[in-house]
Full PDB file with SEQRES, HELIX, SHEET, SSBOND, CRYST1, ORIGX, SCALE, CONECT and MASTER records, all heavy atoms in Angstrom:
SEQRES   1 A   38  TYR ASP THR GLN ASN HIS LEU ASN SER SER VAL ASN TRP          
SEQRES   2 A   38  VAL PRO THR SER LYS PRO PRO LYS GLN GLN PRO LEU THR          
SEQRES   3 A   38  TRP TYR LYS ALA VAL VAL ASN SER PRO PRO GLY GLN              
HELIX    1 AA1 THR A    3  ASN A    5  5                                   3    
CRYST1    1.000    1.000    1.000  90.00  90.00  90.00 P 1           1          
ORIGX1      1.000000  0.000000  0.000000        0.00000                         
ORIGX2      0.000000  1.000000  0.000000        0.00000                         
ORIGX3      0.000000  0.000000  1.000000        0.00000                         
SCALE1      1.000000  0.000000  0.000000        0.00000                         
SCALE2      0.000000  1.000000  0.000000        0.00000                         
SCALE3      0.000000  0.000000  1.000000        0.00000                         
ATOM      1  N   TYR A   1       0.817  -1.213   0.000  1.00  0.00           N  
ATOM      2  CA  TYR A   1       0.000   0.000   0.000  1.00  0.00           C  
ATOM      3  C   TYR A   1       0.847   1.257   0.000  1.00  0.00           C  
ATOM      4  O   TYR A   1       0.349   2.369  -0.181  1.00  0.00           O  
ATOM      5  CB  TYR A   1      -0.920   0.013   1.226  1.00  0.00           C  
ATOM      6  CG  TYR A   1      -0.182  -0.292   2.510  1.00  0.00           C  
ATOM      7  CD1 TYR A   1       0.559   0.671   3.176  1.00  0.00           C  
ATOM      8  CD2 TYR A   1      -0.212  -1.588   3.046  1.00  0.00           C  
ATOM      9  CE1 TYR A   1       1.246   0.381   4.332  1.00  0.00           C  
ATOM     10  CE2 TYR A   1       0.472  -1.891   4.211  1.00  0.00           C  
ATOM     11  CZ  TYR A   1       1.199  -0.902   4.850  1.00  0.00           C  
ATOM     12  OH  TYR A   1       1.889  -1.211   5.991  1.00  0.00           O  
ATOM     13  N   ASP A   2       2.158   1.090   0.220  1.00  0.00           N  
ATOM     14  CA  ASP A   2       3.074   2.227   0.298  1.00  0.00           C  
ATOM     15  C   ASP A   2       3.382   2.721  -1.105  1.00  0.00           C  
ATOM     16  O   ASP A   2       3.770   1.931  -1.975  1.00  0.00           O  
ATOM     17  CB  ASP A   2       4.354   1.792   1.019  1.00  0.00           C  
ATOM     18  CG  ASP A   2       5.226   2.972   1.409  1.00  0.00           C  
ATOM     19  OD1 ASP A   2       5.177   4.008   0.727  1.00  0.00           O  
ATOM     20  OD2 ASP A   2       5.974   2.841   2.394  1.00  0.00           O  
ATOM     21  N   THR A   3       3.234   4.012  -1.335  1.00  0.00           N  
ATOM     22  CA  THR A   3       3.487   4.547  -2.679  1.00  0.00           C  
ATOM     23  C   THR A   3       4.945   4.369  -3.092  1.00  0.00           C  
ATOM     24  O   THR A   3       5.254   4.336  -4.282  1.00  0.00           O  
ATOM     25  CB  THR A   3       3.133   6.048  -2.735  1.00  0.00           C  
ATOM     26  OG1 THR A   3       3.801   6.733  -1.668  1.00  0.00           O  
ATOM     27  CG2 THR A   3       1.631   6.249  -2.586  1.00  0.00           C  
ATOM     28  N   GLN A   4       5.834   4.236  -2.119  1.00  0.00           N  
ATOM     29  CA  GLN A   4       7.239   3.985  -2.452  1.00  0.00           C  
ATOM     30  C   GLN A   4       7.425   2.585  -3.019  1.00  0.00           C  
ATOM     31  O   GLN A   4       8.411   2.304  -3.700  1.00  0.00           O  
ATOM     32  CB  GLN A   4       8.111   4.143  -1.196  1.00  0.00           C  
ATOM     33  CG  GLN A   4       8.015   5.515  -0.551  1.00  0.00           C  
ATOM     34  CD  GLN A   4       8.447   6.628  -1.488  1.00  0.00           C  
ATOM     35  OE1 GLN A   4       9.448   6.515  -2.183  1.00  0.00           O  
ATOM     36  NE2 GLN A   4       7.677   7.717  -1.514  1.00  0.00           N  
ATOM     37  N   ASN A   5       6.460   1.701  -2.714  1.00  0.00           N  
ATOM     38  CA  ASN A   5       6.547   0.323  -3.198  1.00  0.00           C  
ATOM     39  C   ASN A   5       5.551   0.056  -4.328  1.00  0.00           C  
ATOM     40  O   ASN A   5       5.171  -1.069  -4.578  1.00  0.00           O  
ATOM     41  CB  ASN A   5       6.270  -0.659  -2.054  1.00  0.00           C  
ATOM     42  CG  ASN A   5       7.371  -0.646  -1.019  1.00  0.00           C  
ATOM     43  OD1 ASN A   5       8.498  -0.285  -1.325  1.00  0.00           O  
ATOM     44  ND2 ASN A   5       7.044  -1.023   0.208  1.00  0.00           N  
ATOM     45  N   HIS A   6       5.107   1.118  -4.994  1.00  0.00           N  
ATOM     46  CA  HIS A   6       4.133   0.942  -6.072  1.00  0.00           C  
ATOM     47  C   HIS A   6       4.694   0.008  -7.136  1.00  0.00           C  
ATOM     48  O   HIS A   6       5.811   0.190  -7.630  1.00  0.00           O  
ATOM     49  CB  HIS A   6       3.794   2.301  -6.689  1.00  0.00           C  
ATOM     50  CG  HIS A   6       2.808   2.217  -7.816  1.00  0.00           C  
ATOM     51  ND1 HIS A   6       1.643   1.488  -7.732  1.00  0.00           N  
ATOM     52  CD2 HIS A   6       2.814   2.778  -9.050  1.00  0.00           C  
ATOM     53  CE1 HIS A   6       0.986   1.608  -8.871  1.00  0.00           C  
ATOM     54  NE2 HIS A   6       1.679   2.384  -9.684  1.00  0.00           N  
ATOM     55  N   LEU A   7       3.920  -1.014  -7.463  1.00  0.00           N  
ATOM     56  CA  LEU A   7       4.334  -2.057  -8.417  1.00  0.00           C  
ATOM     57  C   LEU A   7       5.621  -2.740  -7.970  1.00  0.00           C  
ATOM     58  O   LEU A   7       6.510  -3.041  -8.774  1.00  0.00           O  
ATOM     59  CB  LEU A   7       4.487  -1.481  -9.827  1.00  0.00           C  
ATOM     60  CG  LEU A   7       3.213  -0.847 -10.417  1.00  0.00           C  
ATOM     61  CD1 LEU A   7       3.473  -0.362 -11.828  1.00  0.00           C  
ATOM     62  CD2 LEU A   7       2.050  -1.817 -10.385  1.00  0.00           C  
ATOM     63  N   ASN A   8       5.712  -2.949  -6.657  1.00  0.00           N  
ATOM     64  CA  ASN A   8       6.853  -3.644  -6.055  1.00  0.00           C  
ATOM     65  C   ASN A   8       7.138  -4.931  -6.830  1.00  0.00           C  
ATOM     66  O   ASN A   8       6.261  -5.754  -7.060  1.00  0.00           O  
ATOM     67  CB  ASN A   8       6.499  -3.962  -4.587  1.00  0.00           C  
ATOM     68  CG  ASN A   8       7.673  -4.526  -3.822  1.00  0.00           C  
ATOM     69  OD1 ASN A   8       8.505  -5.236  -4.367  1.00  0.00           O  
ATOM     70  ND2 ASN A   8       7.722  -4.202  -2.530  1.00  0.00           N  
ATOM     71  N   SER A   9       8.389  -5.087  -7.217  1.00  0.00           N  
ATOM     72  CA  SER A   9       8.753  -6.241  -8.057  1.00  0.00           C  
ATOM     73  C   SER A   9       8.576  -7.563  -7.339  1.00  0.00           C  
ATOM     74  O   SER A   9       8.441  -8.609  -7.974  1.00  0.00           O  
ATOM     75  CB  SER A   9      10.209  -6.100  -8.526  1.00  0.00           C  
ATOM     76  OG  SER A   9      11.081  -6.023  -7.401  1.00  0.00           O  
ATOM     77  N   SER A  10       8.550  -7.537  -5.997  1.00  0.00           N  
ATOM     78  CA  SER A  10       8.374  -8.787  -5.255  1.00  0.00           C  
ATOM     79  C   SER A  10       6.908  -9.187  -5.149  1.00  0.00           C  
ATOM     80  O   SER A  10       6.591 -10.253  -4.646  1.00  0.00           O  
ATOM     81  CB  SER A  10       8.972  -8.649  -3.851  1.00  0.00           C  
ATOM     82  OG  SER A  10       8.294  -7.653  -3.119  1.00  0.00           O  
ATOM     83  N   VAL A  11       6.010  -8.336  -5.637  1.00  0.00           N  
ATOM     84  CA  VAL A  11       4.577  -8.618  -5.608  1.00  0.00           C  
ATOM     85  C   VAL A  11       4.116  -8.996  -7.004  1.00  0.00           C  
ATOM     86  O   VAL A  11       4.396  -8.298  -7.979  1.00  0.00           O  
ATOM     87  CB  VAL A  11       3.783  -7.391  -5.112  1.00  0.00           C  
ATOM     88  CG1 VAL A  11       2.293  -7.701  -5.106  1.00  0.00           C  
ATOM     89  CG2 VAL A  11       4.253  -6.970  -3.731  1.00  0.00           C  
ATOM     90  N   ASN A  12       3.417 -10.093  -7.085  1.00  0.00           N  
ATOM     91  CA  ASN A  12       2.945 -10.566  -8.383  1.00  0.00           C  
ATOM     92  C   ASN A  12       1.639  -9.861  -8.751  1.00  0.00           C  
ATOM     93  O   ASN A  12       0.568 -10.461  -8.793  1.00  0.00           O  
ATOM     94  CB  ASN A  12       2.744 -12.089  -8.347  1.00  0.00           C  
ATOM     95  CG  ASN A  12       2.380 -12.652  -9.704  1.00  0.00           C  
ATOM     96  OD1 ASN A  12       2.718 -12.065 -10.735  1.00  0.00           O  
ATOM     97  ND2 ASN A  12       1.690 -13.786  -9.711  1.00  0.00           N  
ATOM     98  N   TRP A  13       1.741  -8.561  -9.048  1.00  0.00           N  
ATOM     99  CA  TRP A  13       0.570  -7.800  -9.469  1.00  0.00           C  
ATOM    100  C   TRP A  13       0.133  -8.250 -10.862  1.00  0.00           C  
ATOM    101  O   TRP A  13       0.954  -8.392 -11.761  1.00  0.00           O  
ATOM    102  CB  TRP A  13       0.876  -6.308  -9.523  1.00  0.00           C  
ATOM    103  CG  TRP A  13       1.014  -5.627  -8.193  1.00  0.00           C  
ATOM    104  CD1 TRP A  13       2.160  -5.171  -7.627  1.00  0.00           C  
ATOM    105  CD2 TRP A  13      -0.032  -5.316  -7.270  1.00  0.00           C  
ATOM    106  NE1 TRP A  13       1.915  -4.597  -6.418  1.00  0.00           N  
ATOM    107  CE2 TRP A  13       0.560  -4.661  -6.166  1.00  0.00           C  
ATOM    108  CE3 TRP A  13      -1.406  -5.528  -7.272  1.00  0.00           C  
ATOM    109  CZ2 TRP A  13      -0.176  -4.218  -5.073  1.00  0.00           C  
ATOM    110  CZ3 TRP A  13      -2.140  -5.081  -6.190  1.00  0.00           C  
ATOM    111  CH2 TRP A  13      -1.538  -4.431  -5.099  1.00  0.00           C  
ATOM    112  N   VAL A  14      -1.156  -8.435 -11.022  1.00  0.00           N  
ATOM    113  CA  VAL A  14      -1.698  -8.819 -12.327  1.00  0.00           C  
ATOM    114  C   VAL A  14      -2.487  -7.641 -12.878  1.00  0.00           C  
ATOM    115  O   VAL A  14      -3.531  -7.276 -12.325  1.00  0.00           O  
ATOM    116  CB  VAL A  14      -2.610 -10.059 -12.216  1.00  0.00           C  
ATOM    117  CG1 VAL A  14      -3.211 -10.397 -13.582  1.00  0.00           C  
ATOM    118  CG2 VAL A  14      -1.843 -11.240 -11.651  1.00  0.00           C  
ATOM    119  N   PRO A  15      -2.011  -7.008 -13.979  1.00  0.00           N  
ATOM    120  CA  PRO A  15      -2.759  -5.886 -14.546  1.00  0.00           C  
ATOM    121  C   PRO A  15      -3.984  -6.369 -15.311  1.00  0.00           C  
ATOM    122  O   PRO A  15      -3.953  -7.386 -15.991  1.00  0.00           O  
ATOM    123  CB  PRO A  15      -1.742  -5.238 -15.491  1.00  0.00           C  
ATOM    124  CG  PRO A  15      -0.808  -6.333 -15.857  1.00  0.00           C  
ATOM    125  CD  PRO A  15      -0.741  -7.264 -14.689  1.00  0.00           C  
ATOM    126  N   THR A  16      -5.083  -5.622 -15.173  1.00  0.00           N  
ATOM    127  CA  THR A  16      -6.311  -5.989 -15.866  1.00  0.00           C  
ATOM    128  C   THR A  16      -7.262  -4.805 -15.888  1.00  0.00           C  
ATOM    129  O   THR A  16      -7.244  -3.974 -14.983  1.00  0.00           O  
ATOM    130  CB  THR A  16      -7.018  -7.181 -15.186  1.00  0.00           C  
ATOM    131  OG1 THR A  16      -8.224  -7.478 -15.882  1.00  0.00           O  
ATOM    132  CG2 THR A  16      -7.338  -6.887 -13.730  1.00  0.00           C  
ATOM    133  N   SER A  17      -8.076  -4.716 -16.915  1.00  0.00           N  
ATOM    134  CA  SER A  17      -9.136  -3.713 -16.942  1.00  0.00           C  
ATOM    135  C   SER A  17     -10.436  -4.288 -16.407  1.00  0.00           C  
ATOM    136  O   SER A  17     -11.420  -3.567 -16.260  1.00  0.00           O  
ATOM    137  CB  SER A  17      -9.343  -3.193 -18.370  1.00  0.00           C  
ATOM    138  OG  SER A  17      -9.687  -4.260 -19.232  1.00  0.00           O  
ATOM    139  N   LYS A  18     -10.443  -5.599 -16.126  1.00  0.00           N  
ATOM    140  CA  LYS A  18     -11.623  -6.279 -15.582  1.00  0.00           C  
ATOM    141  C   LYS A  18     -11.230  -7.030 -14.317  1.00  0.00           C  
ATOM    142  O   LYS A  18     -10.963  -8.236 -14.346  1.00  0.00           O  
ATOM    143  CB  LYS A  18     -12.216  -7.231 -16.610  1.00  0.00           C  
ATOM    144  CG  LYS A  18     -12.756  -6.526 -17.848  1.00  0.00           C  
ATOM    145  CD  LYS A  18     -13.386  -7.522 -18.817  1.00  0.00           C  
ATOM    146  CE  LYS A  18     -13.962  -6.802 -20.030  1.00  0.00           C  
ATOM    147  NZ  LYS A  18     -14.591  -7.752 -20.991  1.00  0.00           N  
ATOM    148  N   PRO A  19     -11.164  -6.319 -13.195  1.00  0.00           N  
ATOM    149  CA  PRO A  19     -10.735  -6.958 -11.952  1.00  0.00           C  
ATOM    150  C   PRO A  19     -11.743  -8.004 -11.499  1.00  0.00           C  
ATOM    151  O   PRO A  19     -12.942  -7.874 -11.749  1.00  0.00           O  
ATOM    152  CB  PRO A  19     -10.667  -5.797 -10.966  1.00  0.00           C  
ATOM    153  CG  PRO A  19     -11.643  -4.797 -11.501  1.00  0.00           C  
ATOM    154  CD  PRO A  19     -11.562  -4.911 -12.998  1.00  0.00           C  
ATOM    155  N   PRO A  20     -11.291  -9.066 -10.829  1.00  0.00           N  
ATOM    156  CA  PRO A  20     -12.214 -10.108 -10.353  1.00  0.00           C  
ATOM    157  C   PRO A  20     -13.171  -9.560  -9.317  1.00  0.00           C  
ATOM    158  O   PRO A  20     -12.828  -8.686  -8.519  1.00  0.00           O  
ATOM    159  CB  PRO A  20     -11.276 -11.163  -9.758  1.00  0.00           C  
ATOM    160  CG  PRO A  20     -10.024 -10.417  -9.419  1.00  0.00           C  
ATOM    161  CD  PRO A  20      -9.892  -9.344 -10.453  1.00  0.00           C  
ATOM    162  N   LYS A  21     -14.393 -10.108  -9.325  1.00  0.00           N  
ATOM    163  CA  LYS A  21     -15.425  -9.704  -8.378  1.00  0.00           C  
ATOM    164  C   LYS A  21     -15.701 -10.835  -7.395  1.00  0.00           C  
ATOM    165  O   LYS A  21     -15.510 -12.003  -7.717  1.00  0.00           O  
ATOM    166  CB  LYS A  21     -16.713  -9.344  -9.126  1.00  0.00           C  
ATOM    167  CG  LYS A  21     -16.546  -8.240 -10.160  1.00  0.00           C  
ATOM    168  CD  LYS A  21     -17.846  -8.022 -10.938  1.00  0.00           C  
ATOM    169  CE  LYS A  21     -17.667  -6.969 -12.030  1.00  0.00           C  
ATOM    170  NZ  LYS A  21     -18.927  -6.759 -12.798  1.00  0.00           N  
ATOM    171  N   GLN A  22     -16.173 -10.482  -6.216  1.00  0.00           N  
ATOM    172  CA  GLN A  22     -16.557 -11.445  -5.182  1.00  0.00           C  
ATOM    173  C   GLN A  22     -15.442 -12.440  -4.886  1.00  0.00           C  
ATOM    174  O   GLN A  22     -15.694 -13.605  -4.618  1.00  0.00           O  
ATOM    175  CB  GLN A  22     -17.845 -12.180  -5.586  1.00  0.00           C  
ATOM    176  CG  GLN A  22     -18.997 -11.278  -5.970  1.00  0.00           C  
ATOM    177  CD  GLN A  22     -19.312 -10.219  -4.920  1.00  0.00           C  
ATOM    178  OE1 GLN A  22     -19.208 -10.464  -3.721  1.00  0.00           O  
ATOM    179  NE2 GLN A  22     -19.694  -9.036  -5.373  1.00  0.00           N  
ATOM    180  N   GLN A  23     -14.225 -11.960  -4.921  1.00  0.00           N  
ATOM    181  CA  GLN A  23     -13.060 -12.817  -4.665  1.00  0.00           C  
ATOM    182  C   GLN A  23     -12.432 -12.394  -3.346  1.00  0.00           C  
ATOM    183  O   GLN A  23     -11.987 -11.257  -3.211  1.00  0.00           O  
ATOM    184  CB  GLN A  23     -12.047 -12.685  -5.798  1.00  0.00           C  
ATOM    185  CG  GLN A  23     -10.788 -13.527  -5.595  1.00  0.00           C  
ATOM    186  CD  GLN A  23      -9.888 -13.486  -6.806  1.00  0.00           C  
ATOM    187  OE1 GLN A  23     -10.214 -14.055  -7.851  1.00  0.00           O  
ATOM    188  NE2 GLN A  23      -8.760 -12.798  -6.698  1.00  0.00           N  
ATOM    189  N   PRO A  24     -12.374 -13.298  -2.358  1.00  0.00           N  
ATOM    190  CA  PRO A  24     -11.803 -12.915  -1.057  1.00  0.00           C  
ATOM    191  C   PRO A  24     -10.287 -12.776  -1.115  1.00  0.00           C  
ATOM    192  O   PRO A  24      -9.635 -13.214  -2.071  1.00  0.00           O  
ATOM    193  CB  PRO A  24     -12.225 -14.068  -0.144  1.00  0.00           C  
ATOM    194  CG  PRO A  24     -12.431 -15.227  -1.058  1.00  0.00           C  
ATOM    195  CD  PRO A  24     -12.913 -14.664  -2.362  1.00  0.00           C  
ATOM    196  N   LEU A  25      -9.754 -12.157  -0.069  1.00  0.00           N  
ATOM    197  CA  LEU A  25      -8.302 -12.017   0.128  1.00  0.00           C  
ATOM    198  C   LEU A  25      -7.619 -11.399  -1.081  1.00  0.00           C  
ATOM    199  O   LEU A  25      -6.567 -11.851  -1.532  1.00  0.00           O  
ATOM    200  CB  LEU A  25      -7.668 -13.374   0.447  1.00  0.00           C  
ATOM    201  CG  LEU A  25      -8.219 -14.118   1.666  1.00  0.00           C  
ATOM    202  CD1 LEU A  25      -7.476 -15.435   1.878  1.00  0.00           C  
ATOM    203  CD2 LEU A  25      -8.155 -13.260   2.924  1.00  0.00           C  
ATOM    204  N   THR A  26      -8.210 -10.327  -1.609  1.00  0.00           N  
ATOM    205  CA  THR A  26      -7.700  -9.731  -2.839  1.00  0.00           C  
ATOM    206  C   THR A  26      -7.316  -8.276  -2.625  1.00  0.00           C  
ATOM    207  O   THR A  26      -8.079  -7.494  -2.048  1.00  0.00           O  
ATOM    208  CB  THR A  26      -8.751  -9.820  -3.959  1.00  0.00           C  
ATOM    209  OG1 THR A  26      -9.114 -11.190  -4.144  1.00  0.00           O  
ATOM    210  CG2 THR A  26      -8.213  -9.277  -5.270  1.00  0.00           C  
ATOM    211  N   TRP A  27      -6.125  -7.941  -3.094  1.00  0.00           N  
ATOM    212  CA  TRP A  27      -5.663  -6.556  -3.114  1.00  0.00           C  
ATOM    213  C   TRP A  27      -5.956  -5.970  -4.489  1.00  0.00           C  
ATOM    214  O   TRP A  27      -5.699  -6.596  -5.514  1.00  0.00           O  
ATOM    215  CB  TRP A  27      -4.162  -6.478  -2.853  1.00  0.00           C  
ATOM    216  CG  TRP A  27      -3.740  -6.882  -1.470  1.00  0.00           C  
ATOM    217  CD1 TRP A  27      -3.533  -8.148  -1.017  1.00  0.00           C  
ATOM    218  CD2 TRP A  27      -3.441  -6.013  -0.379  1.00  0.00           C  
ATOM    219  NE1 TRP A  27      -3.137  -8.137   0.294  1.00  0.00           N  
ATOM    220  CE2 TRP A  27      -3.061  -6.832   0.716  1.00  0.00           C  
ATOM    221  CE3 TRP A  27      -3.448  -4.628  -0.205  1.00  0.00           C  
ATOM    222  CZ2 TRP A  27      -2.710  -6.300   1.951  1.00  0.00           C  
ATOM    223  CZ3 TRP A  27      -3.088  -4.103   1.026  1.00  0.00           C  
ATOM    224  CH2 TRP A  27      -2.730  -4.934   2.094  1.00  0.00           C  
ATOM    225  N   TYR A  28      -6.493  -4.752  -4.482  1.00  0.00           N  
ATOM    226  CA  TYR A  28      -6.754  -4.023  -5.721  1.00  0.00           C  
ATOM    227  C   TYR A  28      -5.993  -2.698  -5.670  1.00  0.00           C  
ATOM    228  O   TYR A  28      -5.957  -2.028  -4.640  1.00  0.00           O  
ATOM    229  CB  TYR A  28      -8.243  -3.721  -5.880  1.00  0.00           C  
ATOM    230  CG  TYR A  28      -9.136  -4.935  -5.937  1.00  0.00           C  
ATOM    231  CD1 TYR A  28      -9.789  -5.399  -4.790  1.00  0.00           C  
ATOM    232  CD2 TYR A  28      -9.370  -5.605  -7.139  1.00  0.00           C  
ATOM    233  CE1 TYR A  28     -10.630  -6.496  -4.837  1.00  0.00           C  
ATOM    234  CE2 TYR A  28     -10.212  -6.713  -7.196  1.00  0.00           C  
ATOM    235  CZ  TYR A  28     -10.836  -7.154  -6.042  1.00  0.00           C  
ATOM    236  OH  TYR A  28     -11.668  -8.241  -6.097  1.00  0.00           O  
ATOM    237  N   LYS A  29      -5.418  -2.341  -6.812  1.00  0.00           N  
ATOM    238  CA  LYS A  29      -4.704  -1.065  -6.898  1.00  0.00           C  
ATOM    239  C   LYS A  29      -5.057  -0.383  -8.209  1.00  0.00           C  
ATOM    240  O   LYS A  29      -5.160  -1.026  -9.250  1.00  0.00           O  
ATOM    241  CB  LYS A  29      -3.193  -1.291  -6.815  1.00  0.00           C  
ATOM    242  CG  LYS A  29      -2.367  -0.010  -6.882  1.00  0.00           C  
ATOM    243  CD  LYS A  29      -0.868  -0.290  -6.807  1.00  0.00           C  
ATOM    244  CE  LYS A  29      -0.475  -0.755  -5.429  1.00  0.00           C  
ATOM    245  NZ  LYS A  29       1.004  -0.775  -5.256  1.00  0.00           N  
ATOM    246  N   ALA A  30      -5.260   0.936  -8.143  1.00  0.00           N  
ATOM    247  CA  ALA A  30      -5.520   1.720  -9.341  1.00  0.00           C  
ATOM    248  C   ALA A  30      -4.886   3.093  -9.169  1.00  0.00           C  
ATOM    249  O   ALA A  30      -4.779   3.594  -8.040  1.00  0.00           O  
ATOM    250  CB  ALA A  30      -7.020   1.851  -9.586  1.00  0.00           C  
ATOM    251  N   VAL A  31      -4.469   3.686 -10.290  1.00  0.00           N  
ATOM    252  CA  VAL A  31      -3.892   5.036 -10.280  1.00  0.00           C  
ATOM    253  C   VAL A  31      -4.939   5.961 -10.890  1.00  0.00           C  
ATOM    254  O   VAL A  31      -5.310   5.808 -12.058  1.00  0.00           O  
ATOM    255  CB  VAL A  31      -2.573   5.087 -11.064  1.00  0.00           C  
ATOM    256  CG1 VAL A  31      -1.955   6.476 -10.971  1.00  0.00           C  
ATOM    257  CG2 VAL A  31      -1.592   4.044 -10.525  1.00  0.00           C  
ATOM    258  N   VAL A  32      -5.416   6.915 -10.099  1.00  0.00           N  
ATOM    259  CA  VAL A  32      -6.601   7.684 -10.483  1.00  0.00           C  
ATOM    260  C   VAL A  32      -6.380   9.183 -10.331  1.00  0.00           C  
ATOM    261  O   VAL A  32      -5.481   9.631  -9.614  1.00  0.00           O  
ATOM    262  CB  VAL A  32      -7.814   7.259  -9.629  1.00  0.00           C  
ATOM    263  CG1 VAL A  32      -8.137   5.778  -9.845  1.00  0.00           C  
ATOM    264  CG2 VAL A  32      -7.565   7.523  -8.145  1.00  0.00           C  
ATOM    265  N   ASN A  33      -7.237   9.949 -11.011  1.00  0.00           N  
ATOM    266  CA  ASN A  33      -7.285  11.395 -10.833  1.00  0.00           C  
ATOM    267  C   ASN A  33      -8.073  11.737  -9.576  1.00  0.00           C  
ATOM    268  O   ASN A  33      -8.895  10.940  -9.102  1.00  0.00           O  
ATOM    269  CB  ASN A  33      -7.951  12.067 -12.035  1.00  0.00           C  
ATOM    270  CG  ASN A  33      -7.029  12.134 -13.240  1.00  0.00           C  
ATOM    271  OD1 ASN A  33      -5.812  12.131 -13.100  1.00  0.00           O  
ATOM    272  ND2 ASN A  33      -7.620  12.191 -14.425  1.00  0.00           N  
ATOM    273  N   SER A  34      -7.867  12.940  -9.071  1.00  0.00           N  
ATOM    274  CA  SER A  34      -8.670  13.388  -7.937  1.00  0.00           C  
ATOM    275  C   SER A  34     -10.050  13.796  -8.445  1.00  0.00           C  
ATOM    276  O   SER A  34     -10.203  14.188  -9.608  1.00  0.00           O  
ATOM    277  CB  SER A  34      -7.997  14.570  -7.240  1.00  0.00           C  
ATOM    278  OG  SER A  34      -7.914  15.678  -8.121  1.00  0.00           O  
ATOM    279  N   PRO A  35     -11.076  13.688  -7.595  1.00  0.00           N  
ATOM    280  CA  PRO A  35     -12.412  14.144  -8.002  1.00  0.00           C  
ATOM    281  C   PRO A  35     -12.388  15.640  -8.297  1.00  0.00           C  
ATOM    282  O   PRO A  35     -11.622  16.396  -7.678  1.00  0.00           O  
ATOM    283  CB  PRO A  35     -13.288  13.837  -6.788  1.00  0.00           C  
ATOM    284  CG  PRO A  35     -12.505  12.868  -5.972  1.00  0.00           C  
ATOM    285  CD  PRO A  35     -11.073  13.166  -6.228  1.00  0.00           C  
ATOM    286  N   PRO A  36     -13.213  16.112  -9.224  1.00  0.00           N  
ATOM    287  CA  PRO A  36     -13.215  17.543  -9.562  1.00  0.00           C  
ATOM    288  C   PRO A  36     -13.718  18.395  -8.411  1.00  0.00           C  
ATOM    289  O   PRO A  36     -14.460  17.932  -7.541  1.00  0.00           O  
ATOM    290  CB  PRO A  36     -14.161  17.608 -10.767  1.00  0.00           C  
ATOM    291  CG  PRO A  36     -15.050  16.403 -10.626  1.00  0.00           C  
ATOM    292  CD  PRO A  36     -14.197  15.341 -10.006  1.00  0.00           C  
ATOM    293  N   GLY A  37     -13.310  19.662  -8.421  1.00  0.00           N  
ATOM    294  CA  GLY A  37     -13.780  20.604  -7.413  1.00  0.00           C  
ATOM    295  C   GLY A  37     -12.983  20.535  -6.131  1.00  0.00           C  
ATOM    296  O   GLY A  37     -11.940  19.875  -6.048  1.00  0.00           O  
ATOM    297  N   GLN A  38     -13.492  21.221  -5.110  1.00  0.00           N  
ATOM    298  CA  GLN A  38     -12.830  21.278  -3.807  1.00  0.00           C  
ATOM    299  C   GLN A  38     -13.720  20.797  -2.672  1.00  0.00           C  
ATOM    300  O   GLN A  38     -13.365  20.935  -1.503  1.00  0.00           O  
ATOM    301  CB  GLN A  38     -12.357  22.715  -3.527  1.00  0.00           C  
ATOM    302  CG  GLN A  38     -11.234  23.177  -4.437  1.00  0.00           C  
ATOM    303  CD  GLN A  38     -10.007  22.274  -4.353  1.00  0.00           C  
ATOM    304  OE1 GLN A  38      -9.563  21.928  -3.253  1.00  0.00           O  
ATOM    305  NE2 GLN A  38      -9.458  21.892  -5.502  1.00  0.00           N  
TER     306      GLN A  38                                                      
MASTER        0    0    0    1    0    0    0    6  305    1    0    3          
END                                                                             
């Protein structure tokens, strides 16, 4: 979860545009824009 370890090579991150649903014990990561406005 640490931004310094983003895409940590020791973690087997699987990139996908269709993340699994209803799957336990799952970490999800996405790089996103901030919501508009203040």
